[in-house]
Amino acid sequence: MKKTLYLNDREYEKQTVLLQLDNLFFLQREALATGSSVSEILNTIITKHFEEIEQNE
């Protein structure tokens, strides 16, 4: 099985692309389940991440 994908003349590692797709599907499922947008879900995740960093400093 190939480990490299070519999209628009660019080379991508297949495992990286699959992981990114999995993350995108997660965000879409969460958005549908909560009635939020993907942007709102991302903003929440990013905000909580930085809050945790600040608490650990």
C-alpha atoms as a PDB file:
ATOM      1  CA  MET A   1       0.000   0.000   0.000  1.00  0.00           C
ATOM      2  CA  LYS A   2       1.315   3.449  -0.914  1.00  0.00           C
ATOM      3  CA  LYS A   3       2.365   5.683   1.963  1.00  0.00           C
ATOM      4  CA  THR A   4       2.259   8.881  -0.089  1.00  0.00           C
ATOM      5  CA  LEU A   5      -0.661  10.721  -1.664  1.00  0.00           C
ATOM      6  CA  TYR A   6      -0.401  13.306  -4.413  1.00  0.00           C
ATOM      7  CA  LEU A   7      -3.016  16.059  -4.445  1.00  0.00           C
ATOM      8  CA  ASN A   8      -2.739  19.111  -6.691  1.00  0.00           C
ATOM      9  CA  ASP A   9       0.883  18.236  -7.500  1.00  0.00           C
ATOM     10  CA  ARG A  10       1.782  18.185  -3.810  1.00  0.00           C
ATOM     11  CA  GLU A  11       3.018  15.183  -1.895  1.00  0.00           C
ATOM     12  CA  TYR A  12       1.366  14.230   1.398  1.00  0.00           C
ATOM     13  CA  GLU A  13       2.067  11.457   3.842  1.00  0.00           C
ATOM     14  CA  LYS A  14      -0.982   9.197   3.761  1.00  0.00           C
ATOM     15  CA  GLN A  15      -1.135   8.714   7.540  1.00  0.00           C
ATOM     16  CA  THR A  16      -1.145  12.491   8.085  1.00  0.00           C
ATOM     17  CA  VAL A  17      -3.990  12.972   5.605  1.00  0.00           C
ATOM     18  CA  LEU A  18      -6.045  10.211   7.237  1.00  0.00           C
ATOM     19  CA  LEU A  19      -5.497  11.709  10.691  1.00  0.00           C
ATOM     20  CA  GLN A  20      -6.558  15.143   9.465  1.00  0.00           C
ATOM     21  CA  LEU A  21      -9.699  13.681   7.876  1.00  0.00           C
ATOM     22  CA  ASP A  22     -10.499  11.857  11.106  1.00  0.00           C
ATOM     23  CA  ASN A  23     -10.173  15.145  13.010  1.00  0.00           C
ATOM     24  CA  LEU A  24     -12.408  16.918  10.496  1.00  0.00           C
ATOM     25  CA  PHE A  25     -15.080  14.220  10.800  1.00  0.00           C
ATOM     26  CA  PHE A  26     -14.901  14.519  14.598  1.00  0.00           C
ATOM     27  CA  LEU A  27     -15.487  18.279  14.374  1.00  0.00           C
ATOM     28  CA  GLN A  28     -18.400  17.816  11.981  1.00  0.00           C
ATOM     29  CA  ARG A  29     -20.026  15.184  14.234  1.00  0.00           C
ATOM     30  CA  GLU A  30     -19.638  17.427  17.285  1.00  0.00           C
ATOM     31  CA  ALA A  31     -21.095  20.384  15.409  1.00  0.00           C
ATOM     32  CA  LEU A  32     -24.116  18.359  14.315  1.00  0.00           C
ATOM     33  CA  ALA A  33     -24.623  16.886  17.780  1.00  0.00           C
ATOM     34  CA  THR A  34     -24.480  20.241  19.556  1.00  0.00           C
ATOM     35  CA  GLY A  35     -26.021  22.514  16.944  1.00  0.00           C
ATOM     36  CA  SER A  36     -22.807  24.543  16.886  1.00  0.00           C
ATOM     37  CA  SER A  37     -20.640  25.393  13.921  1.00  0.00           C
ATOM     38  CA  VAL A  38     -17.261  23.797  13.298  1.00  0.00           C
ATOM     39  CA  SER A  39     -15.702  27.226  13.973  1.00  0.00           C
ATOM     40  CA  GLU A  40     -17.400  27.428  17.376  1.00  0.00           C
ATOM     41  CA  ILE A  41     -16.178  23.935  18.274  1.00  0.00           C
ATOM     42  CA  LEU A  42     -12.613  24.842  17.225  1.00  0.00           C
ATOM     43  CA  ASN A  43     -12.711  28.108  19.168  1.00  0.00           C
ATOM     44  CA  THR A  44     -13.869  26.252  22.284  1.00  0.00           C
ATOM     45  CA  ILE A  45     -11.105  23.655  21.960  1.00  0.00           C
ATOM     46  CA  ILE A  46      -8.425  26.311  21.388  1.00  0.00           C
ATOM     47  CA  THR A  47      -9.679  28.507  24.249  1.00  0.00           C
ATOM     48  CA  LYS A  48      -9.723  25.589  26.699  1.00  0.00           C
ATOM     49  CA  HIS A  49      -6.260  24.517  25.582  1.00  0.00           C
ATOM     50  CA  PHE A  50      -4.772  27.950  26.282  1.00  0.00           C
ATOM     51  CA  GLU A  51      -6.637  28.215  29.591  1.00  0.00           C
ATOM     52  CA  GLU A  52      -5.013  24.935  30.660  1.00  0.00           C
ATOM     53  CA  ILE A  53      -1.590  26.221  29.619  1.00  0.00           C
ATOM     54  CA  GLU A  54      -2.069  29.402  31.671  1.00  0.00           C
ATOM     55  CA  GLN A  55      -3.193  27.394  34.712  1.00  0.00           C
ATOM     56  CA  ASN A  56      -0.102  25.185  34.496  1.00  0.00           C
ATOM     57  CA  GLU A  57       2.325  28.120  34.410  1.00  0.00           C
END
